[in-house]
Amino acid sequence: MPSPNAYQAFAQWRIGTHRSTRGKSVRYFRLTRDHTVIWSVVMYGYYERKLPTVKECIAEVRCSKETARRILQTAVTRGYVRFVAAPEDGRKKLVEPSRQCIAEYESMVDGYLSLPERLGLVPAKRPARAKLAARKKVALKNRPKK
């Protein structure tokens, strides 16, 4: 279990991230669980190179379909995502993230991925293990061939 200092350091890090994103931000997608789920579906589709449809985004949330549509429409109005016609069927609307949306998502993920190191939760490297592994490698290299 992490020390209380790790929890305090995490809180300090979160405060810093909120302060660093003044003005227009896609924090909108962190308002509720459903906002976050929609954001995750859109970003997953973006990295999968298969943008989700509006219908697919709505299917993943627990709120009503109307609320989910309103979340998406507000995101479009604010410039966080845009609707594009599906190439195979122009009636379907795909949800594409904006550059800002992608940049903030990547910044958030990078922040979370670097947290264990920043908070001192990564176990110290053991030089003895590295030396032992190097010795085994040399021993295997120098062993007589059959």
C-alpha atoms as a PDB file:
ATOM      1  CA  MET A   1       0.000   0.000   0.000  1.00  0.00           C
ATOM      2  CA  PRO A   2       1.388   3.427  -0.935  1.00  0.00           C
ATOM      3  CA  SER A   3       2.393   5.821   1.803  1.00  0.00           C
ATOM      4  CA  PRO A   4       0.138   8.780   2.707  1.00  0.00           C
ATOM      5  CA  ASN A   5       2.732  10.966   0.995  1.00  0.00           C
ATOM      6  CA  ALA A   6       1.931   9.270  -2.313  1.00  0.00           C
ATOM      7  CA  TYR A   7      -1.751  10.197  -1.955  1.00  0.00           C
ATOM      8  CA  GLN A   8      -0.798  13.765  -1.113  1.00  0.00           C
ATOM      9  CA  ALA A   9       1.599  13.902  -4.075  1.00  0.00           C
ATOM     10  CA  PHE A  10      -1.156  12.625  -6.374  1.00  0.00           C
ATOM     11  CA  ALA A  11      -3.538  15.337  -5.154  1.00  0.00           C
ATOM     12  CA  GLN A  12      -0.846  17.951  -5.728  1.00  0.00           C
ATOM     13  CA  TRP A  13      -0.228  16.609  -9.239  1.00  0.00           C
ATOM     14  CA  ARG A  14      -3.981  16.753 -10.072  1.00  0.00           C
ATOM     15  CA  ILE A  15      -4.223  20.336  -8.823  1.00  0.00           C
ATOM     16  CA  GLY A  16      -1.268  21.220 -11.050  1.00  0.00           C
ATOM     17  CA  THR A  17      -2.871  19.613 -14.099  1.00  0.00           C
ATOM     18  CA  HIS A  18      -6.093  21.544 -13.527  1.00  0.00           C
ATOM     19  CA  ARG A  19      -4.194  24.820 -13.155  1.00  0.00           C
ATOM     20  CA  SER A  20      -2.192  24.191 -16.324  1.00  0.00           C
ATOM     21  CA  THR A  21      -5.272  23.885 -18.530  1.00  0.00           C
ATOM     22  CA  ARG A  22      -6.760  27.350 -18.224  1.00  0.00           C
ATOM     23  CA  GLY A  23      -9.404  28.410 -20.700  1.00  0.00           C
ATOM     24  CA  LYS A  24     -10.891  26.060 -23.264  1.00  0.00           C
ATOM     25  CA  SER A  25     -10.359  22.459 -22.251  1.00  0.00           C
ATOM     26  CA  VAL A  26     -11.929  19.087 -22.884  1.00  0.00           C
ATOM     27  CA  ARG A  27     -12.510  18.755 -19.139  1.00  0.00           C
ATOM     28  CA  TYR A  28     -16.079  18.663 -20.391  1.00  0.00           C
ATOM     29  CA  PHE A  29     -15.604  14.934 -20.953  1.00  0.00           C
ATOM     30  CA  ARG A  30     -14.846  14.439 -17.270  1.00  0.00           C
ATOM     31  CA  LEU A  31     -18.091  15.920 -15.934  1.00  0.00           C
ATOM     32  CA  THR A  32     -19.836  12.580 -15.403  1.00  0.00           C
ATOM     33  CA  ARG A  33     -19.164   8.906 -15.910  1.00  0.00           C
ATOM     34  CA  ASP A  34     -21.183   8.998 -19.139  1.00  0.00           C
ATOM     35  CA  HIS A  35     -19.136  11.908 -20.516  1.00  0.00           C
ATOM     36  CA  THR A  36     -15.961   9.947 -19.775  1.00  0.00           C
ATOM     37  CA  VAL A  37     -17.312   6.761 -21.358  1.00  0.00           C
ATOM     38  CA  ILE A  38     -18.191   8.632 -24.549  1.00  0.00           C
ATOM     39  CA  TRP A  39     -14.722  10.224 -24.613  1.00  0.00           C
ATOM     40  CA  SER A  40     -13.119   6.806 -24.127  1.00  0.00           C
ATOM     41  CA  VAL A  41     -15.179   5.264 -26.943  1.00  0.00           C
ATOM     42  CA  VAL A  42     -14.236   8.118 -29.296  1.00  0.00           C
ATOM     43  CA  MET A  43     -10.539   7.940 -28.418  1.00  0.00           C
ATOM     44  CA  TYR A  44     -10.454   4.140 -28.645  1.00  0.00           C
ATOM     45  CA  GLY A  45     -11.973   4.341 -32.105  1.00  0.00           C
ATOM     46  CA  TYR A  46      -9.504   7.049 -33.110  1.00  0.00           C
ATOM     47  CA  TYR A  47      -6.483   4.940 -32.124  1.00  0.00           C
ATOM     48  CA  GLU A  48      -8.068   1.829 -33.623  1.00  0.00           C
ATOM     49  CA  ARG A  49      -8.418   3.832 -36.873  1.00  0.00           C
ATOM     50  CA  LYS A  50     -12.123   3.007 -36.874  1.00  0.00           C
ATOM     51  CA  LEU A  51     -14.118   5.984 -35.678  1.00  0.00           C
ATOM     52  CA  PRO A  52     -17.214   5.074 -33.676  1.00  0.00           C
ATOM     53  CA  THR A  53     -20.690   5.956 -34.827  1.00  0.00           C
ATOM     54  CA  VAL A  54     -22.987   8.119 -32.732  1.00  0.00           C
ATOM     55  CA  LYS A  55     -25.037   4.981 -32.120  1.00  0.00           C
ATOM     56  CA  GLU A  56     -21.988   3.082 -30.799  1.00  0.00           C
ATOM     57  CA  CYS A  57     -21.179   5.929 -28.400  1.00  0.00           C
ATOM     58  CA  ILE A  58     -24.756   5.986 -27.123  1.00  0.00           C
ATOM     59  CA  ALA A  59     -24.812   2.204 -26.659  1.00  0.00           C
ATOM     60  CA  GLU A  60     -21.968   2.319 -24.110  1.00  0.00           C
ATOM     61  CA  VAL A  61     -23.457   4.810 -21.637  1.00  0.00           C
ATOM     62  CA  ARG A  62     -25.983   4.306 -18.853  1.00  0.00           C
ATOM     63  CA  CYS A  63     -27.811   7.593 -19.318  1.00  0.00           C
ATOM     64  CA  SER A  64     -30.768   8.024 -21.646  1.00  0.00           C
ATOM     65  CA  LYS A  65     -30.223   8.154 -25.390  1.00  0.00           C
ATOM     66  CA  GLU A  66     -31.350  11.784 -25.406  1.00  0.00           C
ATOM     67  CA  THR A  67     -28.815  12.739 -22.719  1.00  0.00           C
ATOM     68  CA  ALA A  68     -26.050  10.932 -24.607  1.00  0.00           C
ATOM     69  CA  ARG A  69     -26.991  12.750 -27.822  1.00  0.00           C
ATOM     70  CA  ARG A  70     -26.929  16.047 -25.912  1.00  0.00           C
ATOM     71  CA  ILE A  71     -23.442  15.238 -24.542  1.00  0.00           C
ATOM     72  CA  LEU A  72     -22.212  14.564 -28.079  1.00  0.00           C
ATOM     73  CA  GLN A  73     -23.929  17.634 -29.579  1.00  0.00           C
ATOM     74  CA  THR A  74     -22.467  19.906 -26.899  1.00  0.00           C
ATOM     75  CA  ALA A  75     -19.019  18.427 -27.603  1.00  0.00           C
ATOM     76  CA  VAL A  76     -19.502  19.229 -31.302  1.00  0.00           C
ATOM     77  CA  THR A  77     -20.640  22.781 -30.498  1.00  0.00           C
ATOM     78  CA  ARG A  78     -17.568  23.340 -28.302  1.00  0.00           C
ATOM     79  CA  GLY A  79     -15.255  21.958 -31.004  1.00  0.00           C
ATOM     80  CA  TYR A  80     -14.056  18.863 -29.145  1.00  0.00           C
ATOM     81  CA  VAL A  81     -15.402  16.399 -31.714  1.00  0.00           C
ATOM     82  CA  ARG A  82     -17.116  16.578 -35.078  1.00  0.00           C
ATOM     83  CA  PHE A  83     -19.568  14.406 -36.902  1.00  0.00           C
ATOM     84  CA  VAL A  84     -18.467  13.073 -40.282  1.00  0.00           C
ATOM     85  CA  ALA A  85     -20.447  10.945 -42.702  1.00  0.00           C
ATOM     86  CA  ALA A  86     -19.401   7.292 -42.824  1.00  0.00           C
ATOM     87  CA  PRO A  87     -17.772   6.533 -46.202  1.00  0.00           C
ATOM     88  CA  GLU A  88     -19.670   3.257 -46.664  1.00  0.00           C
ATOM     89  CA  ASP A  89     -23.033   4.681 -45.575  1.00  0.00           C
ATOM     90  CA  GLY A  90     -23.540   8.438 -45.602  1.00  0.00           C
ATOM     91  CA  ARG A  91     -26.532   8.125 -43.269  1.00  0.00           C
ATOM     92  CA  LYS A  92     -24.297   7.042 -40.375  1.00  0.00           C
ATOM     93  CA  LYS A  93     -22.471   9.738 -38.432  1.00  0.00           C
ATOM     94  CA  LEU A  94     -18.971   8.967 -37.201  1.00  0.00           C
ATOM     95  CA  VAL A  95     -17.517  10.836 -34.210  1.00  0.00           C
ATOM     96  CA  GLU A  96     -14.048  12.253 -34.839  1.00  0.00           C
ATOM     97  CA  PRO A  97     -11.986  13.926 -32.065  1.00  0.00           C
ATOM     98  CA  SER A  98     -10.458  17.378 -32.663  1.00  0.00           C
ATOM     99  CA  ARG A  99      -6.703  17.988 -32.459  1.00  0.00           C
ATOM    100  CA  GLN A 100      -7.213  19.624 -29.070  1.00  0.00           C
ATOM    101  CA  CYS A 101      -9.177  16.614 -27.853  1.00  0.00           C
ATOM    102  CA  ILE A 102      -6.409  14.245 -28.969  1.00  0.00           C
ATOM    103  CA  ALA A 103      -3.658  16.398 -27.446  1.00  0.00           C
ATOM    104  CA  GLU A 104      -5.396  16.647 -24.071  1.00  0.00           C
ATOM    105  CA  TYR A 105      -6.188  12.934 -24.034  1.00  0.00           C
ATOM    106  CA  GLU A 106      -2.553  12.047 -24.751  1.00  0.00           C
ATOM    107  CA  SER A 107      -1.336  14.539 -22.138  1.00  0.00           C
ATOM    108  CA  MET A 108      -3.685  13.018 -19.554  1.00  0.00           C
ATOM    109  CA  VAL A 109      -2.610   9.457 -20.356  1.00  0.00           C
ATOM    110  CA  ASP A 110       1.089  10.431 -20.319  1.00  0.00           C
ATOM    111  CA  GLY A 111       0.549  12.028 -16.920  1.00  0.00           C
ATOM    112  CA  TYR A 112      -1.056   8.913 -15.511  1.00  0.00           C
ATOM    113  CA  LEU A 113       1.612   6.653 -17.006  1.00  0.00           C
ATOM    114  CA  SER A 114       4.384   8.715 -15.412  1.00  0.00           C
ATOM    115  CA  LEU A 115       2.717   8.847 -11.989  1.00  0.00           C
ATOM    116  CA  PRO A 116       4.341   5.807 -10.362  1.00  0.00           C
ATOM    117  CA  GLU A 117       7.773   7.264 -11.072  1.00  0.00           C
ATOM    118  CA  ARG A 118       6.774  10.822 -10.080  1.00  0.00           C
ATOM    119  CA  LEU A 119       5.269   9.648  -6.811  1.00  0.00           C
ATOM    120  CA  GLY A 120       8.185   7.412  -5.978  1.00  0.00           C
ATOM    121  CA  LEU A 121       6.140   4.223  -6.245  1.00  0.00           C
ATOM    122  CA  VAL A 122       8.462   2.500  -8.706  1.00  0.00           C
ATOM    123  CA  PRO A 123      10.696   0.068  -6.858  1.00  0.00           C
ATOM    124  CA  ALA A 124      14.342   1.017  -6.973  1.00  0.00           C
ATOM    125  CA  LYS A 125      16.364  -0.926  -9.507  1.00  0.00           C
ATOM    126  CA  ARG A 126      18.505  -3.562  -7.945  1.00  0.00           C
ATOM    127  CA  PRO A 127      21.995  -3.379  -9.353  1.00  0.00           C
ATOM    128  CA  ALA A 128      22.758  -6.828  -7.942  1.00  0.00           C
ATOM    129  CA  ARG A 129      20.099  -8.369 -10.196  1.00  0.00           C
ATOM    130  CA  ALA A 130      21.472  -6.558 -13.228  1.00  0.00           C
ATOM    131  CA  LYS A 131      24.975  -7.778 -12.426  1.00  0.00           C
ATOM    132  CA  LEU A 132      23.716 -11.320 -11.919  1.00  0.00           C
ATOM    133  CA  ALA A 133      21.888 -11.251 -15.248  1.00  0.00           C
ATOM    134  CA  ALA A 134      25.009  -9.947 -16.989  1.00  0.00           C
ATOM    135  CA  ARG A 135      27.118 -12.711 -15.402  1.00  0.00           C
ATOM    136  CA  LYS A 136      24.630 -15.365 -16.555  1.00  0.00           C
ATOM    137  CA  LYS A 137      24.720 -13.952 -20.065  1.00  0.00           C
ATOM    138  CA  VAL A 138      28.527 -14.109 -20.142  1.00  0.00           C
ATOM    139  CA  ALA A 139      28.488 -17.616 -18.662  1.00  0.00           C
ATOM    140  CA  LEU A 140      26.053 -18.809 -21.326  1.00  0.00           C
ATOM    141  CA  LYS A 141      28.168 -17.236 -24.039  1.00  0.00           C
ATOM    142  CA  ASN A 142      31.375 -18.843 -22.791  1.00  0.00           C
ATOM    143  CA  ARG A 143      30.054 -22.315 -22.068  1.00  0.00           C
ATOM    144  CA  PRO A 144      31.606 -25.119 -24.110  1.00  0.00           C
ATOM    145  CA  LYS A 145      29.724 -26.256 -27.185  1.00  0.00           C
ATOM    146  CA  LYS A 146      28.640 -29.861 -27.365  1.00  0.00           C
END
